[in-house]
Protein backbone atom coordinates (compact mmCIF):
# COMPACT_ATOMS: atom_id res chain seq x y z
CA MET A 1 20.47 149.47 41.62
CA SER A 2 18.49 147.81 44.46
CA GLN A 3 16.04 150.52 44.56
CA PHE A 4 15.41 150.21 40.85
CA VAL A 5 14.81 146.30 41.24
CA VAL A 6 12.46 146.99 44.08
CA PHE A 7 10.55 149.50 42.08
CA ALA A 8 10.26 147.14 39.06
CA ILE A 9 9.05 144.31 41.09
CA VAL A 10 6.42 146.68 42.68
CA ILE A 11 5.37 147.82 39.26
CA GLY A 12 5.22 144.25 37.85
CA ILE A 13 2.92 143.14 41.09
CA VAL A 14 0.64 146.16 40.44
CA PHE A 15 0.45 145.30 36.85
CA VAL A 16 -0.33 141.65 37.53
CA PHE A 17 -2.91 142.77 40.00
CA ILE A 18 -4.71 145.12 37.52
CA LEU A 19 -4.65 142.29 34.89
CA ILE A 20 -6.25 139.84 37.21
CA ILE A 21 -8.95 142.39 38.21
CA SER A 22 -9.52 143.23 34.50
CA LEU A 23 -9.89 139.58 33.63
CA PHE A 24 -12.31 139.16 36.45
CA LYS A 25 -14.33 142.07 35.15
CA ARG A 26 -14.51 140.38 31.81
CA TYR A 27 -16.38 137.29 33.23
CA LYS A 28 -20.03 138.28 32.91
CA ARG A 29 -22.96 136.68 34.64
CA CYS A 30 -26.34 136.77 32.89
CA PRO A 31 -29.36 137.81 35.09
CA SER A 32 -32.54 135.65 34.80
CA ASP A 33 -34.51 138.51 33.06
CA ARG A 34 -31.99 139.21 30.45
CA VAL A 35 -30.19 137.28 27.62
CA LEU A 36 -26.43 137.80 27.33
CA VAL A 37 -25.39 138.26 23.79
CA VAL A 38 -21.69 137.72 23.00
CA TYR A 39 -20.53 138.99 19.63
CA GLY A 40 -17.46 139.11 17.77
CA LYS A 41 -15.34 136.01 17.02
CA VAL A 42 -17.50 133.42 18.87
CA GLY A 43 -16.55 130.28 16.89
CA LYS A 44 -18.57 128.24 14.31
CA GLY A 45 -22.21 126.84 14.51
CA LYS A 46 -23.47 123.33 13.48
CA THR A 47 -23.16 124.12 9.78
CA ALA A 48 -19.47 124.98 10.04
CA GLU A 49 -20.18 128.61 9.35
CA ALA A 50 -19.02 131.57 11.48
CA ARG A 51 -21.56 132.40 14.03
CA SER A 52 -22.58 136.03 14.40
CA ALA A 53 -23.34 135.86 18.19
CA LYS A 54 -23.78 133.49 21.20
CA CYS A 55 -26.66 133.74 23.31
CA ILE A 56 -26.63 132.73 26.95
CA HIS A 57 -29.73 132.70 29.18
CA GLY A 58 -29.24 131.81 33.06
CA GLY A 59 -25.46 131.33 32.91
CA ALA A 60 -22.11 133.17 32.54
CA ALA A 61 -19.36 133.51 29.99
CA PHE A 62 -15.97 134.97 29.85
CA ILE A 63 -15.55 137.98 27.24
CA TRP A 64 -12.24 137.83 25.70
CA PRO A 65 -10.85 141.34 25.32
CA VAL A 66 -10.31 142.88 21.84
CA ILE A 67 -11.91 139.81 19.87
CA GLN A 68 -15.25 139.89 21.76
CA ASP A 69 -17.81 142.22 23.26
CA TYR A 70 -21.22 141.70 24.97
CA SER A 71 -24.66 143.18 25.30
CA PHE A 72 -28.00 142.20 26.85
CA LEU A 73 -31.46 141.78 25.69
CA ASN A 74 -34.33 142.57 28.12
CA LEU A 75 -36.87 139.73 28.69
CA THR A 76 -39.45 142.13 30.09
CA PRO A 77 -42.81 141.42 28.45
CA LEU A 78 -44.31 144.09 26.04
CA SER A 79 -48.01 144.74 26.13
CA ILE A 80 -49.05 145.96 22.67
CA GLU A 81 -52.65 147.45 22.03
CA ILE A 82 -53.91 146.60 18.60
CA ASN A 83 -56.97 148.44 17.51
CA LEU A 84 -57.76 146.84 14.31
CA THR A 85 -60.56 148.67 12.32
CA ASN A 86 -62.28 148.10 8.91
CA ALA A 87 -60.86 144.55 8.63
CA LEU A 88 -62.51 142.84 5.79
CA SER A 89 -64.06 139.48 6.74
CA GLN A 90 -64.69 136.33 4.49
CA GLN A 91 -68.39 137.73 3.98
CA ASN A 92 -67.02 141.19 2.76
CA ILE A 93 -68.11 142.71 5.97
CA ARG A 94 -65.81 145.16 7.60
CA VAL A 95 -65.26 144.65 11.19
CA ASP A 96 -63.31 146.12 14.18
CA VAL A 97 -61.33 143.82 16.36
CA PRO A 98 -59.68 145.84 19.33
CA SER A 99 -57.28 143.47 21.16
CA ARG A 100 -54.21 143.53 23.26
CA PHE A 101 -51.11 141.33 22.60
CA THR A 102 -48.28 140.39 25.08
CA VAL A 103 -44.93 139.63 23.56
CA GLY A 104 -41.27 139.37 24.81
CA ILE A 105 -37.83 138.04 23.71
CA SER A 106 -37.80 134.29 23.18
CA THR A 107 -35.42 132.24 25.10
CA GLU A 108 -35.40 129.31 22.68
CA PRO A 109 -31.83 128.62 21.40
CA GLY A 110 -32.62 129.22 17.61
CA VAL A 111 -35.09 132.03 18.22
CA MET A 112 -32.64 133.75 20.63
CA ASP A 113 -30.05 134.06 17.75
CA ASN A 114 -32.70 135.61 15.56
CA ALA A 115 -33.26 138.17 18.52
CA ALA A 116 -29.59 138.82 18.82
CA GLU A 117 -29.31 139.54 15.13
CA ARG A 118 -32.36 141.66 14.58
CA LEU A 119 -33.22 143.25 18.02
CA LEU A 120 -29.96 143.83 19.63
CA GLY A 121 -29.67 147.62 20.16
CA LEU A 122 -33.05 148.43 19.57
CA SER A 123 -35.21 150.16 22.51
CA GLN A 124 -38.31 148.66 23.97
CA GLU A 125 -40.51 151.02 22.07
CA ASP A 126 -38.77 150.19 18.73
CA ILE A 127 -39.26 146.53 19.50
CA SER A 128 -43.04 147.28 20.26
CA ASN A 129 -43.49 149.14 17.07
CA LEU A 130 -41.95 146.47 14.95
CA ALA A 131 -44.13 143.81 16.62
CA LYS A 132 -47.25 145.78 16.25
CA ASP A 133 -46.77 145.87 12.37
CA ILE A 134 -46.33 142.23 12.11
CA ILE A 135 -49.40 141.76 14.44
CA PHE A 136 -51.66 144.16 12.42
CA GLY A 137 -50.94 142.08 9.14
CA GLN A 138 -51.44 138.70 10.61
CA LEU A 139 -54.74 139.86 12.50
CA ARG A 140 -56.18 141.12 9.05
CA LEU A 141 -55.12 137.96 7.44
CA VAL A 142 -56.85 135.73 10.01
CA VAL A 143 -60.03 137.83 10.02
CA ALA A 144 -60.27 137.61 6.12
CA THR A 145 -60.32 133.81 6.44
CA MET A 146 -63.29 133.58 8.89
CA ASP A 147 -66.96 134.40 8.90
CA ILE A 148 -68.38 136.95 11.41
CA GLU A 149 -70.50 134.41 13.16
CA GLU A 150 -67.57 132.23 13.59
CA ILE A 151 -65.41 135.08 14.91
CA ASN A 152 -67.98 136.07 17.21
CA SER A 153 -69.19 132.73 18.53
CA ASN A 154 -66.18 130.76 18.27
CA ARG A 155 -63.57 132.85 20.05
CA ASP A 156 -61.20 129.82 20.77
CA LYS A 157 -60.82 129.06 17.21
CA PHE A 158 -60.24 132.64 16.31
CA LEU A 159 -57.60 133.06 19.14
CA ALA A 160 -55.84 129.88 17.98
CA ALA A 161 -55.67 130.93 14.51
CA VAL A 162 -54.31 134.39 15.48
CA SER A 163 -51.82 132.88 17.94
CA SER A 164 -50.59 130.35 15.40
CA ASN A 165 -50.06 132.92 12.53
CA VAL A 166 -48.76 135.72 14.69
CA GLU A 167 -46.23 133.48 16.68
CA ALA A 168 -44.67 132.04 13.47
CA GLU A 169 -44.06 135.52 12.20
CA LEU A 170 -42.78 136.93 15.46
CA LYS A 171 -40.14 134.03 15.83
CA LYS A 172 -38.55 135.26 12.79
CA ILE A 173 -37.40 138.33 14.60
CA GLY A 174 -36.82 136.49 17.97
CA LEU A 175 -40.04 137.39 19.71
CA LYS A 176 -42.43 135.02 21.47
CA LEU A 177 -46.29 135.46 21.71
CA ILE A 178 -47.19 135.25 25.33
CA ASN A 179 -51.05 136.13 25.49
CA VAL A 180 -53.76 137.28 23.23
CA ASN A 181 -56.94 139.06 24.48
CA VAL A 182 -59.69 140.17 22.18
CA THR A 183 -61.70 142.77 24.03
CA ASP A 184 -64.79 143.19 21.63
CA ILE A 185 -65.66 142.64 17.86
CA ASN A 186 -67.84 145.30 16.15
CA ASP A 187 -68.98 145.96 12.46
CA GLU A 188 -69.87 148.98 10.72
CA SER A 189 -73.20 147.55 9.12
CA GLY A 190 -74.57 146.50 12.60
CA TYR A 191 -74.52 142.69 11.44
CA ILE A 192 -73.00 141.74 14.69
CA VAL A 193 -75.62 143.89 16.62
CA ALA A 194 -78.36 142.42 14.61
CA LEU A 195 -77.16 138.93 15.43
CA GLY A 196 -77.22 139.92 18.98
CA LYS A 197 -80.80 141.12 18.95
CA GLU A 198 -81.86 138.02 17.00
CA ALA A 199 -80.14 136.12 19.64
CA ALA A 200 -81.76 138.10 22.39
CA ALA A 201 -85.28 137.89 20.69
CA LYS A 202 -84.92 134.13 20.39
CA ALA A 203 -83.93 133.80 23.95
CA ILE A 204 -86.90 135.87 25.19
CA ASN A 205 -89.29 133.82 22.93
CA ASP A 206 -87.67 130.61 24.21
CA ALA A 207 -88.05 131.80 27.69
CA LYS A 208 -91.82 132.91 27.20
CA LYS A 209 -92.59 129.40 25.57
CA SER A 210 -90.94 127.76 28.49
CA VAL A 211 -92.88 129.68 31.03
CA ALA A 212 -96.12 128.74 29.18
CA GLU A 213 -95.38 125.13 29.00
CA LYS A 214 -94.24 125.14 32.68
CA ASN A 215 -97.68 126.75 33.64
CA ARG A 216 -99.56 124.31 31.57
CA ASP A 217 -97.51 121.53 32.96
CA GLY A 218 -98.33 122.90 36.39
CA SER A 219 -102.12 122.87 35.77
CA ILE A 220 -102.05 119.45 34.49
CA GLY A 221 -99.93 118.23 37.19
CA GLU A 222 -102.34 119.85 39.85
CA ALA A 223 -105.29 118.04 38.31
CA ASN A 224 -103.50 114.85 38.13
CA ALA A 225 -102.41 115.42 41.69
CA LEU A 226 -105.89 115.67 42.93
CA ARG A 227 -107.11 112.58 40.95
CA ASP A 228 -104.27 110.55 42.20
CA GLN A 229 -104.89 111.77 45.64
CA ARG A 230 -108.56 110.45 45.53
CA VAL A 231 -107.58 107.12 44.03
CA GLN A 232 -104.80 106.74 46.33
CA VAL A 233 -106.94 107.53 49.42
CA SER A 234 -109.65 104.94 48.36
CA SER A 235 -106.92 102.54 47.51
CA ALA A 236 -105.28 103.11 50.76
CA ASP A 237 -108.54 102.51 52.66
CA ALA A 238 -109.01 99.27 50.88
CA THR A 239 -105.43 98.38 51.38
CA ALA A 240 -105.79 99.27 55.04
CA VAL A 241 -108.72 96.76 55.52
CA GLU A 242 -106.94 94.08 53.55
CA GLY A 243 -103.91 94.71 55.43
CA GLU A 244 -105.60 94.34 58.77
CA ASN A 245 -107.03 90.99 57.63
CA THR A 246 -103.81 89.99 56.23
CA ALA A 247 -102.09 90.85 59.43
CA LYS A 248 -104.46 88.87 61.57
CA VAL A 249 -103.88 85.80 59.33
CA THR A 250 -100.14 86.58 59.37
CA ILE A 251 -100.31 86.75 63.36
CA ALA A 252 -102.12 83.25 63.34
CA ASN A 253 -99.70 81.79 61.06
CA SER A 254 -96.71 83.14 62.95
CA ASN A 255 -98.07 81.74 66.25
CA ALA A 256 -98.51 78.28 64.65
CA THR A 257 -95.04 78.60 63.13
CA ARG A 258 -93.66 79.85 66.45
CA ARG A 259 -95.18 76.84 68.31
CA GLU A 260 -94.00 74.50 65.61
CA LYS A 261 -90.46 75.95 65.86
CA GLU A 262 -90.51 75.89 69.64
CA ALA A 263 -91.46 71.95 69.59
CA GLU A 264 -88.78 71.45 66.84
CA ALA A 265 -86.12 73.34 68.97
CA GLU A 266 -87.15 71.40 72.01
CA ARG A 267 -86.74 68.12 70.18
CA LYS A 268 -83.42 69.16 68.78
CA ALA A 269 -82.24 70.30 72.14
CA ILE A 270 -82.96 66.87 73.76
CA ALA A 271 -81.40 65.02 70.75
CA ALA A 272 -78.51 67.27 70.83
CA GLU A 273 -78.19 66.98 74.53
CA LYS A 274 -78.05 63.05 74.14
CA VAL A 275 -75.88 63.23 71.24
CA ASN A 276 -73.37 65.48 73.20
CA GLN A 277 -73.31 63.00 76.17
CA ALA A 278 -72.63 60.06 73.82
CA LYS A 279 -69.81 62.18 72.15
CA ALA A 280 -68.54 62.92 75.70
CA LEU A 281 -68.39 59.26 76.56
CA GLU A 282 -66.88 58.40 73.28
CA GLU A 283 -64.18 61.05 73.74
CA ALA A 284 -63.67 59.85 77.27
CA TYR A 285 -63.10 56.34 76.03
CA ALA A 286 -61.03 57.54 73.35
CA ALA A 287 -58.77 59.51 75.75
CA GLU A 288 -58.39 56.47 77.95
CA ARG A 289 -57.39 54.34 75.09
CA GLU A 290 -54.81 56.94 73.94
CA ALA A 291 -53.61 57.12 77.51
CA GLU A 292 -53.20 53.28 77.56
CA LEU A 293 -51.44 53.40 74.25
CA ALA A 294 -49.06 56.03 75.54
CA ARG A 295 -48.40 54.04 78.66
CA ALA A 296 -47.66 50.94 76.65
CA GLU A 297 -45.37 52.92 74.26
CA ARG A 298 -43.61 54.54 77.37
CA GLN A 299 -43.05 50.97 78.81
CA GLU A 300 -41.81 49.76 75.37
CA ALA A 301 -39.46 52.56 75.06
CA THR A 302 -38.26 52.01 78.66
CA GLN A 303 -37.47 48.24 77.99
CA LYS A 304 -35.91 49.21 74.71
CA ALA A 305 -33.58 51.81 76.45
CA ASP A 306 -32.76 49.23 79.12
CA ILE A 307 -32.24 46.17 77.10
CA VAL A 308 -31.84 46.87 73.34
CA VAL A 309 -29.84 49.99 73.51
CA PRO A 310 -27.11 48.44 75.77
CA ALA A 311 -27.08 45.44 73.51
CA GLN A 312 -26.83 47.63 70.36
CA ILE A 313 -23.94 49.73 71.96
CA ASN A 314 -22.20 46.17 73.02
CA LYS A 315 -22.64 44.85 69.47
CA GLU A 316 -21.17 48.13 68.05
CA LYS A 317 -18.31 48.04 70.29
CA ILE A 318 -17.43 44.29 69.41
CA GLU A 319 -17.70 45.24 65.78
CA ILE A 320 -15.30 48.21 66.38
CA ASP A 321 -12.83 46.01 68.38
CA ALA A 322 -12.98 43.35 65.80
CA GLU A 323 -12.40 45.87 62.83
CA ALA A 324 -9.50 47.32 64.95
CA MET A 325 -7.97 43.87 65.52
CA ALA A 326 -8.35 43.08 61.89
CA GLU A 327 -6.88 46.16 60.81
CA GLN A 328 -3.96 45.59 63.21
CA ILE A 329 -3.45 41.97 61.78
CA ARG A 330 -3.71 43.49 58.27
CA ARG A 331 -1.03 46.05 59.09
CA HIS A 332 1.28 43.50 60.72
CA ALA A 333 0.78 41.15 57.71
CA ARG A 334 1.52 44.02 55.27
CA GLY A 335 4.72 44.95 57.34
CA GLU A 336 5.88 41.10 57.27
CA ALA A 337 5.20 41.05 53.61
CA ASP A 338 7.05 44.32 52.91
CA ALA A 339 9.99 43.07 54.89
CA ILE A 340 10.15 39.69 53.22
CA TYR A 341 9.68 41.41 49.82
CA MET A 342 12.48 43.76 50.54
CA LYS A 343 14.72 40.89 51.91
CA MET A 344 14.03 38.77 48.70
CA GLN A 345 14.68 41.85 46.64
CA ALA A 346 18.09 42.54 48.31
CA GLU A 347 19.07 38.86 47.88
CA ALA A 348 18.01 38.91 44.26
CA LYS A 349 19.96 42.06 43.75
CA GLY A 350 22.98 40.67 45.40
CA ILE A 351 22.73 37.31 43.30
CA TYR A 352 22.29 39.49 40.32
CA GLU A 353 25.30 41.53 41.06
CA ILE A 354 27.46 38.31 41.75
CA LEU A 355 26.37 36.85 38.49
CA SER A 356 26.72 40.07 36.62
CA LYS A 357 30.26 40.42 38.10
CA GLN A 358 31.20 36.79 37.29
CA ALA A 359 29.82 37.23 33.81
CA GLU A 360 31.95 40.35 33.50
CA GLY A 361 34.89 38.37 34.79
CA PHE A 362 34.40 35.43 32.51
CA GLU A 363 34.06 37.93 29.51
CA LYS A 364 37.38 39.57 30.52
CA LEU A 365 38.90 36.13 31.15
CA SER A 366 37.81 34.93 27.54
CA LYS A 367 39.20 38.19 26.05
CA ALA A 368 42.55 37.72 28.04
CA THR A 369 42.89 34.05 26.89
CA GLY A 370 41.65 34.34 23.42
CA ASN A 371 39.90 31.03 23.84
CA SER A 372 36.93 29.98 25.76
CA GLN A 373 38.32 26.50 26.47
CA ASP A 374 41.56 28.10 27.92
CA ALA A 375 39.38 30.19 30.06
CA VAL A 376 37.41 27.22 31.30
CA MET A 377 40.61 25.58 32.18
CA MET A 378 41.78 28.48 33.98
CA MET A 379 38.46 28.61 36.06
CA ILE A 380 38.73 24.96 36.69
CA ALA A 381 42.41 25.35 37.80
CA ASP A 382 41.07 28.09 40.12
CA LYS A 383 38.41 25.69 41.68
CA LEU A 384 40.59 22.65 41.97
CA PRO A 385 41.70 23.47 45.55
CA GLU A 386 37.98 23.54 46.54
CA LEU A 387 37.16 20.32 44.52
CA VAL A 388 40.01 18.51 46.28
CA LYS A 389 39.15 19.81 49.48
CA THR A 390 35.50 18.69 48.94
CA GLN A 391 36.76 15.11 47.92
CA VAL A 392 38.93 15.05 51.18
CA GLU A 393 36.07 16.19 53.31
CA ALA A 394 34.19 13.13 51.84
CA ILE A 395 36.63 10.51 53.53
CA LYS A 396 37.78 12.92 56.43
CA ASN A 397 35.39 11.67 59.02
CA LEU A 398 35.84 7.98 58.23
CA LYS A 399 37.25 6.27 61.32
CA ILE A 400 39.31 3.27 60.75
CA ASP A 401 40.78 2.08 64.07
CA LYS A 402 42.57 -0.90 62.56
CA ILE A 403 43.26 -2.58 59.21
CA THR A 404 44.44 -6.03 59.11
CA VAL A 405 45.63 -7.13 55.63
CA TRP A 406 46.58 -10.63 54.87
CA ASP A 407 48.10 -10.25 51.58
CA ASN A 408 48.77 -13.40 49.69
CA MET A 409 50.55 -12.85 46.54
CA GLY A 410 48.45 -13.62 43.62
CA SER A 411 45.24 -14.18 45.61
CA GLY A 412 43.44 -11.35 43.94
CA LYS A 413 40.53 -11.77 41.71
CA ASP A 414 42.48 -11.52 38.59
CA GLY A 415 45.17 -13.71 40.17
CA LYS A 416 47.81 -11.09 39.51
CA SER A 417 47.16 -8.06 41.84
CA PRO A 418 47.42 -8.47 45.57
CA THR A 419 44.59 -8.12 47.91
CA SER A 420 45.84 -4.88 49.50
CA ALA A 421 46.04 -3.09 46.12
CA ASN A 422 42.52 -4.13 45.40
CA PHE A 423 41.50 -2.83 48.82
CA LEU A 424 43.00 0.71 48.28
CA SER A 425 41.77 0.83 44.87
CA GLY A 426 38.17 0.19 46.03
CA MET A 427 38.49 2.76 48.80
CA LEU A 428 39.70 5.45 46.30
CA GLY A 429 36.82 4.50 44.01
CA SER A 430 34.35 5.33 46.67
CA ILE A 431 35.39 8.95 46.35
CA PRO A 432 32.87 10.92 44.00
CA PRO A 433 34.71 11.56 40.47
CA PHE A 434 35.21 15.00 39.12
CA GLU A 435 32.56 14.84 36.64
CA GLU A 436 29.91 14.24 39.27
CA LEU A 437 31.26 17.03 41.47
CA PHE A 438 30.95 19.27 38.50
CA LYS A 439 27.36 18.35 37.97
CA MET A 440 26.48 18.91 41.44
CA ALA A 441 28.03 22.34 41.28
CA GLY A 442 25.86 23.05 38.19
CA MET A 443 28.97 22.83 35.86
CA GLU A 444 29.82 20.52 32.97
CA LEU A 445 33.27 18.98 32.86
CA PRO A 446 34.94 19.56 29.52
CA ASN A 447 35.24 16.68 27.11
CA TYR A 448 38.97 16.71 27.02
CA LEU A 449 39.04 16.18 30.91
CA LYS A 450 36.61 13.12 30.52
CA GLY A 451 39.36 11.17 28.48
CA LYS A 452 37.78 11.99 25.04
CA SER A 453 39.79 12.95 22.04
CA ILE A 454 39.84 16.27 20.63
CA GLU A 455 37.84 15.44 17.61
CA GLN A 456 35.28 13.60 19.74
CA SER A 457 35.01 16.78 21.88
CA GLN A 458 34.57 19.15 18.88
CA LYS A 459 31.87 16.81 17.54
CA ASP A 460 30.09 16.79 20.84
CA ASN A 461 30.36 20.60 21.10
CA ALA A 462 28.72 20.91 17.63
CA THR A 463 25.92 18.71 18.68
CA ASP A 464 25.24 20.65 21.79
CA ALA A 465 25.16 23.89 19.84
CA GLU A 466 22.62 22.55 17.44
CA GLU A 467 20.57 21.34 20.31
CA VAL A 468 20.64 24.71 21.71
CA LYS A 469 19.57 26.35 18.56
């Protein structure tokens, strides 16, 4: 069993290896002198129709087995000799146009597809014969639309017309026109030869005429040259004499000008020398003045540095110290103000809490008694010990060392009460009454404690309520 498994694994590995090698062999590279044509199922083109082939130049492609295959188109140029004879020109003259055309497979995208469809599988000879038939027809057509003079003299126009017509037809089968070379043009009637003889005769006559004209021009030129020579010699002699005289005058004028210029130069030199001396003195004085000014500025800067700068520094120091002291005073005052404010705020808060608690207590006391007057009575009863204590304190410190009373019965003012009784009554009257004590404490004694009747108290209360409103 194990040997069978090993054998199966080996067979599988060999199969995979062969498959990989076969897939590598299906990857085809296209040489630069060929066009790779992949045919079979190659997808769709731009018009959504199925393509017959896919052409690749200068690349590579993977050829799927079974559904695709490939072939090559040779890009080697074909040289085709075209010996066109008895071609009828526009003048109804038959001419011979021997020429040679060089064509090859085109590498343009659209034209390559035409070559794949129409030239794949053909040999080079078959392609050459097919191109030759197309070139013969187009060459005859071009010759029929031109004159013999135009064909013979304007070769560029003739070749351009041939190239245009022939290349348009060759593209239809996938070929490209590379070169056109017309060797010679002949006609059976000798018209071109006659044109050549006429041109030669015209050229010979033109040459003879040109030679005669040149000889004539040479004789005339020689005579004119002799005349000009004599005239120019005489003129040269006269000019020479005139030149000598003029030269002498020029020399004299030049000497005078030279002497004048020398004198002017001497004068200018003396003046320039004096001017330079004056300028030198002026510059020296100016330099001395600048030196004195610089020395004065230096002394001023020295005094400023010795006096003004220390004073300025001392001034700034005083200002800084004053600002620091003022800032210290401000901060100290701000701290004291904050402390006073916090203290007053705490006292106000304490008073507020006391009054709030007293108000809450009075409200609870009123609710408990059911009557504000009863509540006031209870509060007064609660404060009576303090009030009595206050009255006692008023006479506590009175020092009475000795009291002598001579009491005569009936000796009082009213003739009834004794003198001692009047004395005690006056001493007790000196004690502040309850009503005054209440007012000093910021309280109002109820009416019924003042000795008023209940009706009078209610009437007074109503009056107070109206005043409050």
